[in-house]
Amino acid sequence: MFTFLMIIELVVSLLLILVVLMQSSKGGGLAGTFGGGSVGMVFGVRRTADFLIQATQYLAIAFGLLALIVNIFFLPRSTTQTPESVIQRSGSGQQQQTMPQLPPAPPSTPAEQPGQ
């Protein structure tokens, strides 16, 4: 089921990309570049714009819902309450290392002054 939903998600995302690119912008968009302008002649400019806007909305909703469904129902859950960090995992098999201690300083003696 996970694979099936991921394939549908991929198809929806590709269609969404295509529909967004086909919408005409101020510069003409991809519709004017690759002959998409002929679609406007078949349906009429206004109906084509309405269709592309609605298609974008429906595909975006489908994309979002599929992403939520896959995330909530099909991805594995963590069994621990607090996840262990990478540092904790790498240090768990080793002993706790402490900083090396300096040897104790020799007892200080008063300096002899020359002339005494």
Protein backbone atom coordinates (compact mmCIF):
# COMPACT_ATOMS: atom_id res chain seq x y z
CA MET A 1 0.00 0.00 0.00
CA PHE A 2 2.90 2.35 0.80
CA THR A 3 4.42 1.84 -2.65
CA PHE A 4 1.06 2.41 -4.34
CA LEU A 5 0.51 5.68 -2.47
CA MET A 6 4.03 6.85 -3.25
CA ILE A 7 3.49 6.19 -6.97
CA ILE A 8 0.24 8.18 -6.85
CA GLU A 9 2.06 10.97 -4.98
CA LEU A 10 4.74 11.05 -7.67
CA VAL A 11 2.15 11.23 -10.49
CA VAL A 12 0.22 13.99 -8.70
CA SER A 13 3.41 15.98 -8.14
CA LEU A 14 4.41 15.72 -11.80
CA LEU A 15 0.92 16.78 -12.91
CA LEU A 16 1.01 19.68 -10.48
CA ILE A 17 4.34 20.84 -11.89
CA LEU A 18 2.99 20.59 -15.43
CA VAL A 19 -0.23 22.48 -14.65
CA VAL A 20 1.62 25.27 -12.85
CA LEU A 21 4.03 25.66 -15.76
CA MET A 22 1.19 25.72 -18.30
CA GLN A 23 -0.46 28.72 -16.66
CA SER A 24 0.31 31.88 -18.51
CA SER A 25 2.07 34.63 -16.66
CA LYS A 26 2.92 38.16 -17.73
CA GLY A 27 5.73 36.76 -19.83
CA GLY A 28 3.58 34.15 -21.56
CA GLY A 29 4.81 31.22 -19.46
CA LEU A 30 5.44 27.77 -20.79
CA ALA A 31 2.07 27.80 -22.53
CA GLY A 32 3.30 30.30 -25.10
CA THR A 33 6.70 28.66 -25.52
CA PHE A 34 5.70 25.09 -26.35
CA GLY A 35 2.46 25.63 -28.19
CA GLY A 36 0.17 25.65 -25.18
CA GLY A 37 -1.48 28.72 -26.64
CA SER A 38 -3.48 26.48 -28.94
CA VAL A 39 -5.26 25.10 -25.87
CA GLY A 40 -6.59 28.59 -25.24
CA MET A 41 -7.98 28.71 -28.75
CA VAL A 42 -9.88 25.46 -28.29
CA PHE A 43 -11.52 26.26 -24.96
CA GLY A 44 -11.29 30.01 -24.98
CA VAL A 45 -8.80 31.98 -22.94
CA ARG A 46 -11.05 32.46 -19.92
CA ARG A 47 -12.14 28.81 -19.68
CA THR A 48 -8.55 27.61 -20.02
CA ALA A 49 -7.39 29.88 -17.20
CA ASP A 50 -10.26 28.71 -14.98
CA PHE A 51 -9.51 25.07 -15.75
CA LEU A 52 -5.81 25.45 -14.96
CA ILE A 53 -6.54 27.28 -11.70
CA GLN A 54 -9.00 24.60 -10.57
CA ALA A 55 -6.64 21.82 -11.62
CA THR A 56 -3.85 23.45 -9.61
CA GLN A 57 -6.09 23.68 -6.56
CA TYR A 58 -7.29 20.07 -6.75
CA LEU A 59 -3.81 18.68 -7.39
CA ALA A 60 -2.33 20.72 -4.51
CA ILE A 61 -5.01 19.44 -2.14
CA ALA A 62 -4.47 15.86 -3.32
CA PHE A 63 -0.70 16.24 -2.89
CA GLY A 64 -1.06 17.56 0.65
CA LEU A 65 -3.58 14.91 1.71
CA LEU A 66 -1.50 12.06 0.27
CA ALA A 67 1.59 13.37 2.05
CA LEU A 68 -0.30 13.49 5.36
CA ILE A 69 -1.79 10.02 4.90
CA VAL A 70 1.57 8.46 4.10
CA ASN A 71 3.25 10.27 6.99
CA ILE A 72 0.61 9.44 9.60
CA PHE A 73 -0.33 5.87 8.69
CA PHE A 74 2.57 4.27 6.84
CA LEU A 75 5.86 5.60 8.19
CA PRO A 76 7.43 3.70 11.11
CA ARG A 77 7.10 5.16 14.57
CA SER A 78 9.86 5.58 17.13
CA THR A 79 9.48 3.21 20.10
CA THR A 80 11.49 5.29 22.57
CA GLN A 81 10.13 8.42 24.15
CA THR A 82 13.39 10.36 23.96
CA PRO A 83 15.45 9.62 20.90
CA GLU A 84 19.13 9.00 21.46
CA SER A 85 21.51 11.42 19.79
CA VAL A 86 24.46 10.38 17.64
CA ILE A 87 26.87 11.42 20.38
CA GLN A 88 25.06 9.28 22.94
CA ARG A 89 25.06 6.27 20.60
CA SER A 90 28.77 6.53 19.83
CA GLY A 91 29.72 6.90 23.51
CA SER A 92 27.48 4.15 24.89
CA GLY A 93 29.96 1.34 24.18
CA GLN A 94 32.96 3.22 25.51
CA GLN A 95 33.88 4.10 29.07
CA GLN A 96 33.40 7.62 30.22
CA GLN A 97 36.65 9.43 29.56
CA THR A 98 37.83 12.07 31.98
CA MET A 99 40.39 14.77 31.46
CA PRO A 100 43.92 13.78 32.52
CA GLN A 101 44.98 15.20 35.86
CA LEU A 102 48.18 17.18 36.26
CA PRO A 103 50.66 15.87 38.83
CA PRO A 104 50.58 17.73 42.12
CA ALA A 105 52.91 20.68 42.31
CA PRO A 106 55.92 20.32 44.62
CA PRO A 107 55.63 22.17 47.89
CA SER A 108 56.84 25.69 47.49
CA THR A 109 59.80 26.80 49.52
CA PRO A 110 60.64 30.37 50.19
CA ALA A 111 63.23 31.53 47.76
CA GLU A 112 66.58 32.19 49.22
CA GLN A 113 67.69 35.65 48.57
CA PRO A 114 71.31 36.19 47.76
CA GLY A 115 72.94 38.24 50.35
CA GLN A 116 71.49 36.59 53.41
